[in-house]
N, C-alpha and C. Protein backbone atom coordinates (compact mmCIF):
# COMPACT_ATOMS: atom_id res chain seq x y z
N MET A 1 0.85 -1.19 0.00
CA MET A 1 0.00 0.00 0.00
C MET A 1 0.88 1.24 0.00
N ALA A 2 0.57 2.23 -0.84
CA ALA A 2 1.33 3.46 -0.88
C ALA A 2 1.09 4.27 0.39
N THR A 3 2.13 4.97 0.83
CA THR A 3 2.01 5.80 2.01
C THR A 3 1.05 6.95 1.75
N SER A 4 0.12 7.18 2.66
CA SER A 4 -0.85 8.26 2.49
C SER A 4 -0.17 9.61 2.66
N THR A 5 -0.46 10.52 1.73
CA THR A 5 0.04 11.89 1.84
C THR A 5 -1.05 12.86 2.26
N GLY A 6 -2.28 12.37 2.38
CA GLY A 6 -3.37 13.27 2.71
C GLY A 6 -3.62 14.32 1.65
N GLY A 7 -3.14 14.05 0.43
CA GLY A 7 -3.34 15.00 -0.66
C GLY A 7 -2.40 16.19 -0.64
N ASP A 8 -1.41 16.19 0.25
CA ASP A 8 -0.47 17.31 0.33
C ASP A 8 0.45 17.29 -0.89
N PRO A 9 0.47 18.36 -1.69
CA PRO A 9 1.26 18.34 -2.93
C PRO A 9 2.76 18.27 -2.68
N HIS A 10 3.23 18.88 -1.59
CA HIS A 10 4.66 18.82 -1.30
C HIS A 10 5.08 17.40 -0.91
N LEU A 11 4.26 16.73 -0.11
CA LEU A 11 4.57 15.34 0.25
C LEU A 11 4.55 14.44 -0.97
N GLU A 12 3.60 14.68 -1.86
CA GLU A 12 3.54 13.87 -3.08
C GLU A 12 4.81 14.04 -3.90
N ARG A 13 5.30 15.26 -3.99
CA ARG A 13 6.57 15.50 -4.69
C ARG A 13 7.74 14.87 -3.93
N ALA A 14 7.69 14.96 -2.60
CA ALA A 14 8.80 14.42 -1.79
C ALA A 14 8.96 12.93 -1.98
N TYR A 15 7.85 12.22 -2.17
CA TYR A 15 7.91 10.77 -2.31
C TYR A 15 8.23 10.33 -3.74
N ALA A 16 8.52 11.31 -4.61
CA ALA A 16 8.86 10.99 -6.00
C ALA A 16 10.13 11.72 -6.45
N LEU A 17 11.00 12.06 -5.50
CA LEU A 17 12.22 12.78 -5.83
C LEU A 17 13.13 11.93 -6.71
N THR A 18 13.91 12.62 -7.55
CA THR A 18 14.79 11.91 -8.48
C THR A 18 16.27 12.03 -8.13
N GLY A 19 16.61 12.78 -7.09
CA GLY A 19 18.01 12.91 -6.71
C GLY A 19 18.22 14.13 -5.83
N PRO A 20 19.47 14.37 -5.40
CA PRO A 20 19.76 15.48 -4.49
C PRO A 20 19.36 16.85 -5.01
N ASP A 21 19.57 17.12 -6.30
CA ASP A 21 19.21 18.44 -6.82
C ASP A 21 17.70 18.66 -6.75
N ASP A 22 16.94 17.64 -7.07
CA ASP A 22 15.48 17.71 -6.98
C ASP A 22 15.05 17.91 -5.53
N ALA A 23 15.70 17.20 -4.61
CA ALA A 23 15.37 17.33 -3.20
C ALA A 23 15.67 18.73 -2.69
N ARG A 24 16.83 19.26 -3.05
CA ARG A 24 17.20 20.60 -2.60
C ARG A 24 16.18 21.63 -3.09
N ALA A 25 15.78 21.53 -4.34
CA ALA A 25 14.82 22.48 -4.90
C ALA A 25 13.47 22.40 -4.18
N LEU A 26 12.99 21.17 -3.95
CA LEU A 26 11.71 21.02 -3.25
C LEU A 26 11.77 21.61 -1.86
N TYR A 27 12.78 21.24 -1.09
CA TYR A 27 12.80 21.66 0.31
C TYR A 27 13.12 23.13 0.48
N ASP A 28 13.89 23.72 -0.43
CA ASP A 28 14.06 25.17 -0.40
C ASP A 28 12.71 25.86 -0.62
N GLU A 29 11.93 25.35 -1.55
CA GLU A 29 10.61 25.92 -1.84
C GLU A 29 9.65 25.73 -0.67
N TRP A 30 9.74 24.58 -0.01
CA TRP A 30 8.77 24.20 1.03
C TRP A 30 9.12 24.78 2.40
N ALA A 31 10.33 25.26 2.58
CA ALA A 31 10.83 25.59 3.92
C ALA A 31 9.90 26.54 4.68
N ALA A 32 9.37 27.54 4.01
CA ALA A 32 8.59 28.56 4.70
C ALA A 32 7.31 28.02 5.33
N THR A 33 6.73 26.98 4.74
CA THR A 33 5.45 26.46 5.25
C THR A 33 5.54 25.04 5.78
N TYR A 34 6.74 24.47 5.78
CA TYR A 34 6.92 23.05 6.13
C TYR A 34 6.34 22.72 7.50
N ASP A 35 6.73 23.49 8.52
CA ASP A 35 6.28 23.17 9.88
C ASP A 35 4.76 23.25 9.98
N ALA A 36 4.19 24.31 9.45
CA ALA A 36 2.74 24.47 9.53
C ALA A 36 2.02 23.38 8.74
N ASP A 37 2.55 23.02 7.58
CA ASP A 37 1.90 21.99 6.77
C ASP A 37 1.87 20.65 7.49
N LEU A 38 2.98 20.28 8.12
CA LEU A 38 3.06 18.95 8.74
C LEU A 38 2.44 18.91 10.13
N ALA A 39 2.36 20.05 10.78
CA ALA A 39 1.72 20.07 12.10
C ALA A 39 0.20 20.13 11.99
N ALA A 40 -0.29 20.39 10.79
CA ALA A 40 -1.73 20.52 10.59
C ALA A 40 -2.45 19.23 10.96
N GLY A 41 -3.73 19.36 11.29
CA GLY A 41 -4.50 18.20 11.73
C GLY A 41 -4.50 17.06 10.75
N ALA A 42 -4.41 17.38 9.45
CA ALA A 42 -4.44 16.33 8.43
C ALA A 42 -3.19 15.47 8.47
N GLN A 43 -2.10 15.99 9.02
CA GLN A 43 -0.84 15.25 9.04
C GLN A 43 -0.42 14.86 10.46
N SER A 44 -0.41 15.81 11.38
CA SER A 44 -0.01 15.55 12.77
C SER A 44 1.32 14.78 12.82
N TYR A 45 2.38 15.48 12.38
CA TYR A 45 3.71 14.89 12.27
C TYR A 45 4.33 14.81 13.66
N VAL A 46 4.19 13.66 14.29
CA VAL A 46 4.63 13.47 15.68
C VAL A 46 6.01 12.83 15.78
N ALA A 47 6.58 12.40 14.66
CA ALA A 47 7.86 11.69 14.70
C ALA A 47 8.97 12.47 15.39
N PRO A 48 9.10 13.80 15.20
CA PRO A 48 10.18 14.51 15.90
C PRO A 48 10.10 14.40 17.42
N SER A 49 8.92 14.57 17.99
CA SER A 49 8.80 14.51 19.44
C SER A 49 8.96 13.08 19.95
N VAL A 50 8.41 12.11 19.24
CA VAL A 50 8.55 10.71 19.63
C VAL A 50 10.03 10.31 19.63
N THR A 51 10.76 10.74 18.61
CA THR A 51 12.17 10.37 18.50
C THR A 51 13.01 11.12 19.53
N ALA A 52 12.70 12.37 19.79
CA ALA A 52 13.42 13.10 20.83
C ALA A 52 13.28 12.42 22.19
N ASP A 53 12.10 11.92 22.48
CA ASP A 53 11.91 11.16 23.72
C ASP A 53 12.81 9.93 23.75
N ALA A 54 12.93 9.25 22.61
CA ALA A 54 13.76 8.05 22.54
C ALA A 54 15.24 8.38 22.73
N VAL A 55 15.69 9.50 22.18
CA VAL A 55 17.08 9.92 22.36
C VAL A 55 17.38 10.15 23.83
N VAL A 56 16.54 10.89 24.49
CA VAL A 56 16.78 11.21 25.90
C VAL A 56 16.70 9.95 26.76
N ALA A 57 15.76 9.06 26.45
CA ALA A 57 15.65 7.82 27.22
C ALA A 57 16.90 6.96 27.08
N ALA A 58 17.49 6.94 25.89
CA ALA A 58 18.67 6.10 25.65
C ALA A 58 19.95 6.74 26.13
N ALA A 59 20.12 8.03 25.84
CA ALA A 59 21.44 8.66 25.99
C ALA A 59 21.48 9.81 26.98
N GLY A 60 20.34 10.18 27.56
CA GLY A 60 20.34 11.32 28.45
C GLY A 60 20.44 12.62 27.69
N THR A 61 20.84 13.68 28.38
CA THR A 61 20.84 15.02 27.77
C THR A 61 22.23 15.64 27.67
N GLY A 62 23.26 14.94 28.12
CA GLY A 62 24.56 15.58 28.25
C GLY A 62 25.50 15.46 27.08
N GLY A 63 25.21 14.62 26.10
CA GLY A 63 26.16 14.37 25.02
C GLY A 63 26.03 15.32 23.85
N GLU A 64 26.93 15.14 22.88
CA GLU A 64 26.89 15.89 21.63
C GLU A 64 26.05 15.11 20.62
N VAL A 65 25.09 15.80 20.02
CA VAL A 65 24.13 15.17 19.12
C VAL A 65 24.27 15.77 17.72
N LEU A 66 24.26 14.91 16.71
CA LEU A 66 24.16 15.34 15.32
C LEU A 66 22.76 15.02 14.82
N ASP A 67 22.06 16.04 14.37
CA ASP A 67 20.74 15.88 13.75
C ASP A 67 20.96 15.81 12.24
N ALA A 68 20.91 14.60 11.70
CA ALA A 68 21.21 14.36 10.29
C ALA A 68 19.94 14.47 9.46
N GLY A 69 19.93 15.42 8.53
CA GLY A 69 18.70 15.73 7.82
C GLY A 69 17.79 16.56 8.70
N CYS A 70 18.36 17.62 9.27
CA CYS A 70 17.66 18.36 10.34
C CYS A 70 16.48 19.17 9.85
N GLY A 71 16.41 19.45 8.53
CA GLY A 71 15.28 20.20 8.03
C GLY A 71 15.13 21.55 8.71
N THR A 72 13.92 21.88 9.09
CA THR A 72 13.63 23.17 9.73
C THR A 72 13.96 23.20 11.21
N GLY A 73 14.43 22.10 11.75
CA GLY A 73 14.83 22.07 13.15
C GLY A 73 13.79 21.52 14.10
N LEU A 74 12.81 20.79 13.60
CA LEU A 74 11.79 20.25 14.48
C LEU A 74 12.37 19.31 15.52
N VAL A 75 13.31 18.46 15.12
CA VAL A 75 13.91 17.51 16.06
C VAL A 75 14.83 18.24 17.02
N GLY A 76 15.65 19.15 16.50
CA GLY A 76 16.54 19.90 17.37
C GLY A 76 15.78 20.69 18.41
N ALA A 77 14.68 21.31 18.01
CA ALA A 77 13.87 22.07 18.96
C ALA A 77 13.28 21.15 20.03
N ALA A 78 12.83 19.96 19.60
CA ALA A 78 12.27 19.01 20.57
C ALA A 78 13.34 18.52 21.54
N LEU A 79 14.55 18.28 21.05
CA LEU A 79 15.65 17.87 21.94
C LEU A 79 16.01 19.00 22.89
N HIS A 80 16.08 20.20 22.37
CA HIS A 80 16.41 21.37 23.19
C HIS A 80 15.39 21.54 24.32
N GLU A 81 14.13 21.37 24.00
CA GLU A 81 13.07 21.48 25.01
C GLU A 81 13.23 20.43 26.10
N ARG A 82 13.84 19.31 25.76
CA ARG A 82 14.04 18.21 26.73
C ARG A 82 15.38 18.31 27.45
N GLY A 83 16.12 19.38 27.22
CA GLY A 83 17.34 19.62 27.98
C GLY A 83 18.63 19.25 27.31
N VAL A 84 18.58 18.80 26.05
CA VAL A 84 19.82 18.50 25.32
C VAL A 84 20.45 19.82 24.90
N GLY A 85 21.72 20.02 25.28
CA GLY A 85 22.32 21.33 25.10
C GLY A 85 23.24 21.49 23.92
N THR A 86 23.76 20.40 23.37
CA THR A 86 24.76 20.50 22.30
C THR A 86 24.28 19.71 21.09
N ILE A 87 23.76 20.44 20.11
CA ILE A 87 23.17 19.83 18.92
C ILE A 87 23.73 20.51 17.68
N ASP A 88 24.28 19.72 16.78
CA ASP A 88 24.66 20.21 15.45
C ASP A 88 23.67 19.64 14.44
N GLY A 89 23.50 20.33 13.33
CA GLY A 89 22.58 19.86 12.30
C GLY A 89 23.18 19.93 10.92
N ILE A 90 22.83 18.96 10.09
CA ILE A 90 23.23 18.98 8.68
C ILE A 90 22.00 18.69 7.82
N ASP A 91 21.96 19.34 6.66
CA ASP A 91 20.83 19.16 5.76
C ASP A 91 21.25 19.59 4.36
N LEU A 92 20.56 19.06 3.37
CA LEU A 92 20.85 19.37 1.98
C LEU A 92 20.35 20.74 1.56
N SER A 93 19.33 21.25 2.24
CA SER A 93 18.61 22.44 1.78
C SER A 93 19.01 23.70 2.56
N PRO A 94 19.59 24.71 1.89
CA PRO A 94 19.88 25.96 2.58
C PRO A 94 18.63 26.63 3.15
N GLY A 95 17.51 26.52 2.45
CA GLY A 95 16.29 27.11 2.96
C GLY A 95 15.84 26.48 4.26
N MET A 96 15.94 25.18 4.35
CA MET A 96 15.60 24.49 5.59
C MET A 96 16.57 24.87 6.71
N LEU A 97 17.85 24.95 6.40
CA LEU A 97 18.84 25.30 7.42
C LEU A 97 18.60 26.70 7.97
N GLU A 98 18.15 27.61 7.14
CA GLU A 98 17.83 28.96 7.61
C GLU A 98 16.73 28.90 8.66
N ARG A 99 15.73 28.08 8.42
CA ARG A 99 14.65 27.92 9.40
C ARG A 99 15.16 27.25 10.67
N ALA A 100 16.01 26.25 10.53
CA ALA A 100 16.57 25.57 11.70
C ALA A 100 17.38 26.54 12.55
N ARG A 101 18.13 27.42 11.89
CA ARG A 101 18.95 28.39 12.62
C ARG A 101 18.07 29.29 13.49
N ALA A 102 16.90 29.61 13.00
CA ALA A 102 16.00 30.51 13.72
C ALA A 102 15.46 29.90 15.01
N THR A 103 15.53 28.57 15.15
CA THR A 103 15.04 27.94 16.38
C THR A 103 15.95 28.22 17.57
N GLY A 104 17.23 28.52 17.31
CA GLY A 104 18.18 28.72 18.40
C GLY A 104 18.61 27.45 19.10
N ALA A 105 18.24 26.29 18.55
CA ALA A 105 18.53 25.02 19.22
C ALA A 105 19.91 24.46 18.88
N TYR A 106 20.53 24.97 17.82
CA TYR A 106 21.73 24.32 17.28
C TYR A 106 23.01 25.09 17.57
N ARG A 107 24.07 24.35 17.84
CA ARG A 107 25.41 24.94 17.97
C ARG A 107 25.97 25.29 16.60
N GLU A 108 25.80 24.37 15.66
CA GLU A 108 26.36 24.55 14.32
C GLU A 108 25.42 23.90 13.31
N LEU A 109 25.29 24.54 12.15
CA LEU A 109 24.47 24.02 11.06
C LEU A 109 25.25 24.15 9.76
N ARG A 110 25.18 23.11 8.92
CA ARG A 110 25.85 23.21 7.63
C ARG A 110 25.20 22.28 6.62
N GLU A 111 25.47 22.58 5.36
CA GLU A 111 24.94 21.77 4.27
C GLU A 111 25.68 20.45 4.15
N ALA A 112 24.95 19.39 3.87
CA ALA A 112 25.54 18.08 3.64
C ALA A 112 24.55 17.21 2.87
N ASP A 113 25.10 16.33 2.06
CA ASP A 113 24.30 15.38 1.28
C ASP A 113 24.40 14.02 1.96
N LEU A 114 23.31 13.55 2.54
CA LEU A 114 23.32 12.29 3.28
C LEU A 114 23.38 11.07 2.37
N THR A 115 23.26 11.27 1.06
CA THR A 115 23.43 10.14 0.15
C THR A 115 24.89 9.88 -0.17
N ALA A 116 25.79 10.73 0.34
CA ALA A 116 27.23 10.56 0.15
C ALA A 116 27.88 10.35 1.51
N ALA A 117 29.17 10.03 1.50
CA ALA A 117 29.92 9.89 2.76
C ALA A 117 29.92 11.22 3.50
N LEU A 118 29.75 11.15 4.81
CA LEU A 118 29.75 12.35 5.63
C LEU A 118 31.17 12.88 5.78
N GLU A 119 31.33 14.19 5.65
CA GLU A 119 32.64 14.81 5.83
C GLU A 119 32.86 15.10 7.31
N LEU A 120 32.92 14.02 8.07
CA LEU A 120 33.09 14.08 9.52
C LEU A 120 34.04 12.97 9.94
N PRO A 121 34.81 13.20 11.01
CA PRO A 121 35.72 12.15 11.49
C PRO A 121 34.97 11.02 12.19
N ASP A 122 35.62 9.89 12.31
CA ASP A 122 35.07 8.79 13.10
C ASP A 122 34.87 9.24 14.54
N ASP A 123 33.90 8.63 15.22
CA ASP A 123 33.73 8.79 16.67
C ASP A 123 33.54 10.26 17.08
N ARG A 124 32.81 11.02 16.30
CA ARG A 124 32.69 12.46 16.55
C ARG A 124 31.58 12.80 17.54
N TYR A 125 30.48 12.05 17.52
CA TYR A 125 29.30 12.40 18.31
C TYR A 125 28.90 11.28 19.26
N ASP A 126 28.12 11.67 20.27
CA ASP A 126 27.53 10.68 21.18
C ASP A 126 26.25 10.10 20.61
N VAL A 127 25.54 10.88 19.82
CA VAL A 127 24.28 10.43 19.22
C VAL A 127 24.16 11.02 17.81
N VAL A 128 23.73 10.22 16.87
CA VAL A 128 23.20 10.73 15.61
C VAL A 128 21.71 10.42 15.59
N VAL A 129 20.91 11.45 15.35
CA VAL A 129 19.47 11.28 15.24
C VAL A 129 19.06 11.64 13.82
N CYS A 130 18.16 10.87 13.26
CA CYS A 130 17.72 11.10 11.87
C CYS A 130 16.23 10.80 11.79
N VAL A 131 15.44 11.81 11.48
CA VAL A 131 13.99 11.68 11.45
C VAL A 131 13.46 12.19 10.11
N GLY A 132 12.63 11.38 9.46
CA GLY A 132 11.96 11.82 8.26
C GLY A 132 12.79 11.76 6.99
N THR A 133 13.96 11.14 7.07
CA THR A 133 14.89 11.14 5.94
C THR A 133 15.06 9.76 5.32
N LEU A 134 14.93 8.72 6.12
CA LEU A 134 15.04 7.34 5.62
C LEU A 134 13.64 6.92 5.17
N THR A 135 13.32 7.29 3.94
CA THR A 135 11.95 7.19 3.45
C THR A 135 11.96 7.08 1.93
N HIS A 136 10.79 7.13 1.32
CA HIS A 136 10.69 7.06 -0.14
C HIS A 136 11.57 8.11 -0.81
N ALA A 137 12.42 7.69 -1.74
CA ALA A 137 13.12 8.58 -2.67
C ALA A 137 14.00 9.62 -1.99
N HIS A 138 14.47 9.32 -0.79
CA HIS A 138 15.32 10.26 -0.07
C HIS A 138 16.72 9.67 0.15
N VAL A 139 16.95 9.13 1.33
CA VAL A 139 18.28 8.62 1.71
C VAL A 139 18.18 7.11 1.93
N GLY A 140 19.04 6.36 1.28
CA GLY A 140 18.99 4.91 1.33
C GLY A 140 19.66 4.33 2.56
N PRO A 141 19.63 3.00 2.68
CA PRO A 141 20.12 2.33 3.89
C PRO A 141 21.62 2.44 4.11
N ALA A 142 22.40 2.77 3.07
CA ALA A 142 23.85 2.90 3.26
C ALA A 142 24.19 4.00 4.26
N ALA A 143 23.30 4.96 4.43
CA ALA A 143 23.56 6.05 5.37
C ALA A 143 23.66 5.56 6.81
N ILE A 144 23.02 4.46 7.13
CA ILE A 144 23.01 3.99 8.52
C ILE A 144 24.42 3.64 8.98
N GLY A 145 25.21 3.02 8.12
CA GLY A 145 26.59 2.72 8.46
C GLY A 145 27.41 3.98 8.66
N GLU A 146 27.15 5.01 7.85
CA GLU A 146 27.85 6.29 8.03
C GLU A 146 27.47 6.94 9.35
N PHE A 147 26.20 6.87 9.72
CA PHE A 147 25.80 7.42 11.01
C PHE A 147 26.55 6.72 12.14
N ALA A 148 26.63 5.40 12.07
CA ALA A 148 27.33 4.65 13.11
C ALA A 148 28.82 4.99 13.14
N ARG A 149 29.40 5.24 11.99
CA ARG A 149 30.84 5.55 11.93
C ARG A 149 31.19 6.80 12.72
N VAL A 150 30.32 7.80 12.69
CA VAL A 150 30.65 9.07 13.34
C VAL A 150 30.20 9.11 14.80
N VAL A 151 29.66 8.00 15.31
CA VAL A 151 29.24 7.91 16.71
C VAL A 151 30.33 7.21 17.52
N ARG A 152 30.60 7.75 18.70
CA ARG A 152 31.59 7.15 19.59
C ARG A 152 31.10 5.80 20.10
N PRO A 153 32.01 4.87 20.36
CA PRO A 153 31.59 3.58 20.94
C PRO A 153 30.77 3.80 22.21
N GLY A 154 29.66 3.09 22.29
CA GLY A 154 28.74 3.25 23.40
C GLY A 154 27.67 4.29 23.16
N GLY A 155 27.81 5.06 22.07
CA GLY A 155 26.80 6.04 21.71
C GLY A 155 25.69 5.41 20.89
N TYR A 156 24.82 6.25 20.36
CA TYR A 156 23.58 5.75 19.75
C TYR A 156 23.30 6.38 18.39
N VAL A 157 22.73 5.58 17.52
CA VAL A 157 22.01 6.06 16.35
C VAL A 157 20.53 5.86 16.64
N VAL A 158 19.77 6.94 16.58
CA VAL A 158 18.32 6.88 16.81
C VAL A 158 17.66 7.45 15.56
N ALA A 159 16.87 6.64 14.88
CA ALA A 159 16.36 7.04 13.57
C ALA A 159 14.98 6.47 13.31
N THR A 160 14.26 7.15 12.42
CA THR A 160 13.00 6.62 11.92
C THR A 160 13.20 6.10 10.50
N VAL A 161 12.52 5.01 10.19
CA VAL A 161 12.43 4.50 8.82
C VAL A 161 10.95 4.34 8.51
N LEU A 162 10.49 5.00 7.47
CA LEU A 162 9.07 4.89 7.11
C LEU A 162 8.70 3.42 6.93
N ASP A 163 7.59 3.01 7.50
CA ASP A 163 7.25 1.59 7.56
C ASP A 163 7.16 0.95 6.17
N ASP A 164 6.64 1.69 5.20
CA ASP A 164 6.47 1.13 3.85
C ASP A 164 7.78 0.72 3.19
N VAL A 165 8.89 1.36 3.58
CA VAL A 165 10.17 1.06 2.93
C VAL A 165 11.10 0.25 3.83
N TRP A 166 10.67 -0.10 5.02
CA TRP A 166 11.51 -0.81 5.99
C TRP A 166 12.13 -2.06 5.38
N GLU A 167 11.31 -2.88 4.76
CA GLU A 167 11.84 -4.08 4.10
C GLU A 167 12.08 -3.85 2.61
N ALA A 168 11.11 -3.25 1.94
CA ALA A 168 11.23 -3.08 0.49
C ALA A 168 12.41 -2.21 0.10
N GLY A 169 12.77 -1.26 0.94
CA GLY A 169 13.88 -0.36 0.65
C GLY A 169 15.23 -0.87 1.10
N GLY A 170 15.27 -2.04 1.74
CA GLY A 170 16.53 -2.63 2.14
C GLY A 170 17.06 -2.19 3.50
N TYR A 171 16.27 -1.44 4.25
CA TYR A 171 16.74 -0.95 5.54
C TYR A 171 16.87 -2.08 6.56
N ARG A 172 15.88 -2.95 6.61
CA ARG A 172 15.96 -4.06 7.56
C ARG A 172 17.18 -4.92 7.27
N ALA A 173 17.42 -5.22 6.00
CA ALA A 173 18.57 -6.06 5.64
C ALA A 173 19.88 -5.39 6.04
N GLU A 174 19.96 -4.08 5.87
CA GLU A 174 21.20 -3.38 6.22
C GLU A 174 21.40 -3.34 7.74
N ILE A 175 20.33 -3.15 8.49
CA ILE A 175 20.43 -3.21 9.95
C ILE A 175 20.91 -4.59 10.38
N ASP A 176 20.33 -5.62 9.82
CA ASP A 176 20.74 -6.99 10.17
C ASP A 176 22.21 -7.22 9.82
N ARG A 177 22.64 -6.73 8.66
CA ARG A 177 24.02 -6.92 8.22
C ARG A 177 25.00 -6.22 9.16
N LEU A 178 24.71 -4.99 9.50
CA LEU A 178 25.61 -4.22 10.36
C LEU A 178 25.63 -4.77 11.79
N ALA A 179 24.48 -5.22 12.27
CA ALA A 179 24.45 -5.83 13.60
C ALA A 179 25.26 -7.12 13.62
N ALA A 180 25.15 -7.92 12.55
CA ALA A 180 25.92 -9.17 12.47
C ALA A 180 27.42 -8.90 12.39
N ALA A 181 27.79 -7.75 11.81
CA ALA A 181 29.19 -7.35 11.71
C ALA A 181 29.69 -6.67 12.98
N ASP A 182 28.84 -6.61 13.99
CA ASP A 182 29.19 -6.04 15.30
C ASP A 182 29.46 -4.54 15.23
N VAL A 183 28.85 -3.87 14.27
CA VAL A 183 28.95 -2.41 14.19
C VAL A 183 28.13 -1.78 15.31
N PHE A 184 26.97 -2.35 15.57
CA PHE A 184 26.12 -1.87 16.65
C PHE A 184 25.22 -2.99 17.13
N GLU A 185 24.60 -2.74 18.27
CA GLU A 185 23.56 -3.61 18.82
C GLU A 185 22.22 -2.91 18.62
N ALA A 186 21.26 -3.63 18.09
CA ALA A 186 19.91 -3.08 17.96
C ALA A 186 19.22 -3.17 19.31
N VAL A 187 19.24 -2.08 20.06
CA VAL A 187 18.63 -2.05 21.38
C VAL A 187 17.12 -2.21 21.27
N SER A 188 16.54 -1.49 20.32
CA SER A 188 15.10 -1.64 20.08
C SER A 188 14.77 -1.21 18.66
N ILE A 189 13.81 -1.90 18.08
CA ILE A 189 13.23 -1.55 16.79
C ILE A 189 11.73 -1.69 16.97
N GLU A 190 11.05 -0.57 17.06
CA GLU A 190 9.63 -0.56 17.40
C GLU A 190 8.82 0.15 16.34
N ILE A 191 7.58 -0.25 16.20
CA ILE A 191 6.64 0.50 15.36
C ILE A 191 6.16 1.70 16.18
N ALA A 192 6.27 2.88 15.58
CA ALA A 192 5.92 4.11 16.28
C ALA A 192 5.13 5.02 15.35
N PRO A 193 4.32 5.92 15.91
CA PRO A 193 3.58 6.85 15.06
C PRO A 193 4.53 7.83 14.37
N TYR A 194 4.19 8.20 13.17
CA TYR A 194 5.03 9.06 12.33
C TYR A 194 4.23 10.31 11.92
N ARG A 195 3.28 10.15 11.03
CA ARG A 195 2.29 11.19 10.76
C ARG A 195 0.94 10.65 11.23
N ALA A 196 0.63 10.96 12.48
CA ALA A 196 -0.52 10.33 13.13
C ALA A 196 -1.83 10.70 12.46
N GLY A 197 -1.91 11.88 11.87
CA GLY A 197 -3.14 12.31 11.22
C GLY A 197 -3.52 11.46 10.03
N GLN A 198 -2.52 10.81 9.41
CA GLN A 198 -2.77 9.91 8.28
C GLN A 198 -2.57 8.45 8.66
N GLN A 199 -2.40 8.20 9.95
CA GLN A 199 -2.15 6.84 10.46
C GLN A 199 -0.95 6.19 9.76
N VAL A 200 0.08 6.99 9.55
CA VAL A 200 1.33 6.52 8.95
C VAL A 200 2.32 6.23 10.07
N ASP A 201 2.88 5.03 10.07
CA ASP A 201 3.83 4.61 11.11
C ASP A 201 5.25 4.51 10.55
N CYS A 202 6.18 4.36 11.47
CA CYS A 202 7.58 4.16 11.11
C CYS A 202 8.17 3.09 12.01
N ARG A 203 9.36 2.65 11.67
CA ARG A 203 10.19 1.87 12.59
C ARG A 203 11.10 2.86 13.30
N LEU A 204 11.05 2.85 14.59
CA LEU A 204 11.91 3.70 15.41
C LEU A 204 13.08 2.85 15.89
N LEU A 205 14.27 3.19 15.42
CA LEU A 205 15.47 2.41 15.69
C LEU A 205 16.28 3.06 16.80
N VAL A 206 16.69 2.26 17.77
CA VAL A 206 17.67 2.68 18.77
C VAL A 206 18.82 1.69 18.69
N LEU A 207 19.95 2.15 18.18
CA LEU A 207 21.10 1.31 17.90
C LEU A 207 22.29 1.77 18.74
N ARG A 208 22.86 0.88 19.54
CA ARG A 208 24.03 1.22 20.37
C ARG A 208 25.29 0.82 19.62
N VAL A 209 26.15 1.79 19.36
CA VAL A 209 27.35 1.57 18.56
C VAL A 209 28.41 0.85 19.39
N ARG A 210 29.04 -0.13 18.76
CA ARG A 210 30.09 -0.92 19.43
C ARG A 210 31.40 -0.14 19.50
């Protein structure tokens, strides 16, 4: 079954992206209304708050966090509200990063393409959080290994994967492969609400890096 978009034209375009340039153009255009569009009753985008709760439950509030695919800063703002003090963000879209900067939640923000290797050293962060990016036509499962690479041993990758692509998109297979290679331990993989207004769920991953 195709993921419901509730008729939102931006979401329909988002689920049919053809590459990074297409994604950058869409999200630059959408940045001004993104938060309002997804918070609307028809969508009720709860994934940022649900995932922020999972980050704090796993890792507490004292570490350095990278918000990968930070968008307008919904996740960073949710983490900041929960007492997390050191958050960096990366995203493909300058327009989205401008909105994220306005939240005041981030120490540093910069452009990055999550479909490529991250220009970050190994063991850089205590947590990488990624919400809303491992989905249709966005960032594939290879990114999960990159997230784990930049997390210090004992730290966490906490991410959402849209339920429709969990198996079909190869995410489950990649999680199993990396866990078998002792890259991380899958602490929990749970079905969680994503866009509650459309009854769209995700897999919420909490992975402890070895």
